[in-house]
Amino acid sequence: MIDTTFAWEGGEVSGAWHRPEAPARAALVLAHGAGHGMNSRLLVDIGEALAERGVAVLRFNFPYAEVGRQRPDPQPRLEACYRAVAEAVAAEFPQPFVGGKSMGGRIASNIVADGFPTAGLAFLGYPLHPPGQPERIRDAHLRHIDAPMLFLQGTRDPFATPDLLHRTIAALPFATLREIAGGDHSFKVRGRSSADVTKELADAIDEFVAARAPETKPRAP
């Protein structure tokens, strides 16, 4: 793991690379959810697992997490930060994959809907709607994305009721759904270890990346 920093219009944020020993075949920018920073156990474990499979993973903090605040920044500020980090990664890996946990994945989808070029998006628990409020669905911008999308979602996730999620996915021609049976929004599954679930998530992302970027190479220095 290699620590780094990224400059954006509001200052700097921390980041951390998980790089394979051999040249990476693709890169994934992975953002954290609203309640955690970039060092959440799930993101660290997925970063390590994917690096072992040949995919470079970059985790980073949003500005509010960088300074230790709990309340997320306004969406334009989150998007500006994500875009700056993703553009920096794209300088080495053209059209990197992007995504993240919950809010992080949603922000990634917004910058792609606004034109950021990507090989694909990986969502870890996409927050389709607030818990108990399925009428407040966050899917309009997804229809403007023509890049492949992988939705990794627990079947007990209150942020995406299964019937509504299935209808949403069915309306998106470039979307694939991988359900984690019994998983909640944090991918906790009764009767399964976190390591076992993390492996399932990492395997799914690896398959998604391999099918869509088998020849992706970093730019020469």
Protein backbone atom coordinates (compact mmCIF):
# COMPACT_ATOMS: atom_id res chain seq x y z
CA MET A 1 0.00 0.00 0.00
CA ILE A 2 1.39 3.40 -1.03
CA ASP A 3 0.13 6.61 0.58
CA THR A 4 -0.28 9.69 -1.59
CA THR A 5 -2.15 13.00 -1.82
CA PHE A 6 -4.29 14.60 -4.51
CA ALA A 7 -4.77 18.28 -5.20
CA TRP A 8 -8.19 19.60 -6.10
CA GLU A 9 -9.75 23.04 -6.25
CA GLY A 10 -10.45 22.99 -2.50
CA GLY A 11 -6.98 21.90 -1.35
CA GLU A 12 -5.61 18.39 -0.89
CA VAL A 13 -6.99 15.01 0.16
CA SER A 14 -5.23 11.82 1.15
CA GLY A 15 -5.17 8.71 -0.98
CA ALA A 16 -3.71 5.23 -0.90
CA TRP A 17 -2.75 2.94 -3.77
CA HIS A 18 -2.97 -0.84 -3.79
CA ARG A 19 -0.71 -1.83 -6.67
CA PRO A 20 0.03 -5.32 -8.03
CA GLU A 21 3.63 -6.52 -8.09
CA ALA A 22 3.42 -6.85 -11.89
CA PRO A 23 2.14 -4.04 -14.13
CA ALA A 24 -1.56 -3.51 -13.43
CA ARG A 25 -4.01 -4.53 -16.14
CA ALA A 26 -6.55 -1.93 -15.02
CA ALA A 27 -7.20 0.63 -12.29
CA LEU A 28 -10.21 1.29 -10.08
CA VAL A 29 -10.89 4.50 -8.16
CA LEU A 30 -12.82 3.50 -5.05
CA ALA A 31 -14.53 6.14 -2.88
CA HIS A 32 -15.84 5.71 0.64
CA GLY A 33 -19.41 5.98 1.92
CA ALA A 34 -20.93 8.78 3.95
CA GLY A 35 -20.17 7.32 7.36
CA HIS A 36 -16.57 6.21 6.80
CA GLY A 37 -13.29 7.49 5.43
CA MET A 38 -11.03 5.85 2.90
CA ASN A 39 -9.60 3.47 5.51
CA SER A 40 -12.82 1.58 6.09
CA ARG A 41 -12.08 -2.12 6.47
CA LEU A 42 -14.22 -3.09 3.48
CA LEU A 43 -12.39 -0.79 1.05
CA VAL A 44 -8.95 -1.73 2.36
CA ASP A 45 -9.71 -5.45 2.07
CA ILE A 46 -11.14 -5.10 -1.43
CA GLY A 47 -8.15 -3.00 -2.49
CA GLU A 48 -5.74 -5.66 -1.27
CA ALA A 49 -7.74 -8.48 -2.85
CA LEU A 50 -7.95 -6.80 -6.25
CA ALA A 51 -4.26 -5.87 -6.26
CA GLU A 52 -3.48 -9.56 -5.81
CA ARG A 53 -5.55 -10.17 -8.94
CA GLY A 54 -3.68 -7.58 -11.00
CA VAL A 55 -5.98 -4.55 -10.59
CA ALA A 56 -4.58 -1.33 -9.11
CA VAL A 57 -6.98 0.28 -6.64
CA LEU A 58 -6.89 3.88 -5.45
CA ARG A 59 -8.77 4.84 -2.28
CA PHE A 60 -9.14 8.49 -1.27
CA ASN A 61 -10.86 10.77 1.23
CA PHE A 62 -13.56 13.25 0.44
CA PRO A 63 -12.77 16.70 1.93
CA TYR A 64 -15.05 16.37 4.98
CA ALA A 65 -13.48 13.04 5.93
CA GLU A 66 -10.01 14.45 5.41
CA VAL A 67 -10.57 16.99 8.18
CA GLY A 68 -12.45 14.60 10.45
CA ARG A 69 -15.99 15.92 9.99
CA GLN A 70 -18.98 13.57 10.07
CA ARG A 71 -21.33 15.47 7.80
CA PRO A 72 -20.66 14.99 4.08
CA ASP A 73 -19.85 17.97 1.91
CA PRO A 74 -22.46 19.34 -0.53
CA GLN A 75 -22.71 17.24 -3.67
CA PRO A 76 -20.94 19.72 -6.02
CA ARG A 77 -17.93 19.70 -3.67
CA LEU A 78 -17.91 15.90 -3.51
CA GLU A 79 -18.11 15.68 -7.30
CA ALA A 80 -15.31 18.21 -7.80
CA CYS A 81 -13.02 16.26 -5.50
CA TYR A 82 -13.85 12.89 -7.08
CA ARG A 83 -13.34 14.28 -10.59
CA ALA A 84 -9.92 15.71 -9.71
CA VAL A 85 -8.76 12.41 -8.21
CA ALA A 86 -10.12 10.38 -11.12
CA GLU A 87 -8.45 12.69 -13.64
CA ALA A 88 -5.13 12.26 -11.85
CA VAL A 89 -5.51 8.48 -12.00
CA ALA A 90 -6.50 8.71 -15.68
CA ALA A 91 -3.17 10.41 -16.40
CA GLU A 92 -1.58 7.01 -15.70
CA PHE A 93 -4.45 4.64 -16.52
CA PRO A 94 -6.61 5.88 -19.41
CA GLN A 95 -10.33 5.55 -18.66
CA PRO A 96 -10.02 4.00 -15.21
CA PHE A 97 -12.89 2.14 -13.61
CA VAL A 98 -14.62 4.21 -10.94
CA GLY A 99 -17.03 3.50 -8.14
CA GLY A 100 -17.26 3.21 -4.40
CA LYS A 101 -19.25 2.33 -1.35
CA SER A 102 -22.77 3.78 -1.16
CA MET A 103 -22.42 7.58 -1.45
CA GLY A 104 -18.98 7.20 -3.04
CA GLY A 105 -20.43 5.13 -5.86
CA ARG A 106 -23.30 7.56 -6.32
CA ILE A 107 -20.88 10.47 -6.69
CA ALA A 108 -18.84 8.44 -9.19
CA SER A 109 -21.99 7.86 -11.23
CA ASN A 110 -22.75 11.58 -11.28
CA ILE A 111 -19.36 12.56 -12.68
CA VAL A 112 -19.67 9.85 -15.34
CA ALA A 113 -23.17 11.04 -16.23
CA ASP A 114 -21.61 14.49 -16.64
CA GLY A 115 -19.02 13.18 -19.08
CA PHE A 116 -16.06 11.68 -17.21
CA PRO A 117 -14.76 8.83 -19.42
CA THR A 118 -14.59 5.46 -17.68
CA ALA A 119 -14.26 1.80 -18.59
CA GLY A 120 -17.02 0.98 -16.10
CA LEU A 121 -18.55 1.62 -12.70
CA ALA A 122 -18.58 -0.66 -9.66
CA PHE A 123 -21.15 0.12 -6.98
CA LEU A 124 -20.81 -1.35 -3.50
CA GLY A 125 -24.29 -0.91 -2.05
CA TYR A 126 -25.71 1.78 -4.34
CA PRO A 127 -28.03 4.06 -2.29
CA LEU A 128 -31.00 3.90 -4.63
CA HIS A 129 -33.21 5.63 -2.06
CA PRO A 130 -33.10 6.62 1.64
CA PRO A 131 -34.23 3.83 3.99
CA GLY A 132 -38.03 3.69 4.16
CA GLN A 133 -38.40 6.29 1.38
CA PRO A 134 -38.54 4.41 -1.93
CA GLU A 135 -40.30 7.37 -3.54
CA ARG A 136 -37.03 9.35 -3.31
CA ILE A 137 -35.29 7.25 -5.95
CA ARG A 138 -31.88 8.32 -7.22
CA ASP A 139 -31.81 6.82 -10.70
CA ALA A 140 -32.50 9.60 -13.24
CA HIS A 141 -28.83 10.31 -13.99
CA LEU A 142 -28.04 6.61 -14.37
CA ARG A 143 -30.03 6.59 -17.61
CA HIS A 144 -27.47 8.99 -19.10
CA ILE A 145 -24.56 6.59 -18.52
CA ASP A 146 -23.44 4.43 -21.45
CA ALA A 147 -20.57 2.75 -19.60
CA PRO A 148 -20.97 -0.73 -18.06
CA MET A 149 -22.23 -0.70 -14.48
CA LEU A 150 -21.89 -3.42 -11.85
CA PHE A 151 -24.28 -3.20 -8.89
CA LEU A 152 -23.17 -5.26 -5.88
CA GLN A 153 -26.09 -5.20 -3.47
CA GLY A 154 -27.16 -7.06 -0.35
CA THR A 155 -30.67 -8.46 -0.46
CA ARG A 156 -31.38 -6.92 2.97
CA ASP A 157 -30.08 -3.47 2.06
CA PRO A 158 -32.64 -0.85 3.21
CA PHE A 159 -31.14 1.64 0.75
CA ALA A 160 -32.34 -0.45 -2.21
CA THR A 161 -35.43 -2.61 -1.84
CA PRO A 162 -35.02 -5.65 -4.12
CA ASP A 163 -38.15 -5.13 -6.24
CA LEU A 164 -37.32 -1.48 -6.93
CA LEU A 165 -33.66 -2.31 -7.58
CA HIS A 166 -34.60 -5.04 -10.05
CA ARG A 167 -36.88 -2.66 -11.96
CA THR A 168 -34.14 -0.03 -12.03
CA ILE A 169 -31.52 -2.46 -13.32
CA ALA A 170 -33.91 -3.79 -15.97
CA ALA A 171 -34.27 -0.26 -17.36
CA LEU A 172 -30.50 0.25 -17.66
CA PRO A 173 -29.10 -1.53 -20.74
CA PHE A 174 -25.50 -1.42 -19.50
CA ALA A 175 -26.13 -2.55 -15.92
CA THR A 176 -25.46 -5.89 -14.22
CA LEU A 177 -26.68 -6.85 -10.75
CA ARG A 178 -24.83 -9.20 -8.41
CA GLU A 179 -26.82 -9.82 -5.25
CA ILE A 180 -25.23 -10.82 -1.96
CA ALA A 181 -27.79 -13.12 -0.36
CA GLY A 182 -28.70 -11.94 3.12
CA GLY A 183 -26.36 -8.95 2.98
CA ASP A 184 -27.19 -5.61 4.56
CA HIS A 185 -25.91 -2.19 3.47
CA SER A 186 -22.49 -2.98 4.99
CA PHE A 187 -22.48 -6.46 3.40
CA LYS A 188 -22.77 -8.18 6.73
CA VAL A 189 -24.31 -11.62 6.24
CA ARG A 190 -25.46 -13.81 9.08
CA GLY A 191 -23.47 -17.04 9.16
CA ARG A 192 -20.69 -15.80 6.87
CA SER A 193 -17.34 -14.26 7.74
CA SER A 194 -16.47 -10.80 6.46
CA ALA A 195 -13.47 -12.33 4.67
CA ASP A 196 -15.73 -14.72 2.77
CA VAL A 197 -18.09 -11.93 1.69
CA THR A 198 -15.17 -9.67 0.73
CA LYS A 199 -13.81 -12.43 -1.49
CA GLU A 200 -17.17 -12.72 -3.24
CA LEU A 201 -17.24 -8.94 -3.82
CA ALA A 202 -13.63 -8.84 -5.05
CA ASP A 203 -14.21 -11.82 -7.36
CA ALA A 204 -17.25 -10.12 -8.88
CA ILE A 205 -15.37 -6.86 -9.49
CA ASP A 206 -12.39 -8.73 -10.92
CA GLU A 207 -14.65 -10.60 -13.37
CA PHE A 208 -16.34 -7.33 -14.33
CA VAL A 209 -12.98 -5.62 -14.97
CA ALA A 210 -11.49 -8.58 -16.84
CA ALA A 211 -14.44 -8.77 -19.21
CA ARG A 212 -14.26 -5.08 -20.06
CA ALA A 213 -10.61 -4.07 -19.91
CA PRO A 214 -8.48 -7.16 -20.61
CA GLU A 215 -5.86 -5.11 -22.46
CA THR A 216 -5.78 -1.96 -20.31
CA LYS A 217 -2.20 -0.88 -19.65
CA PRO A 218 -0.77 2.07 -17.72
CA ARG A 219 0.80 4.86 -19.72
CA ALA A 220 4.57 4.80 -19.92
CA PRO A 221 6.25 7.33 -17.58
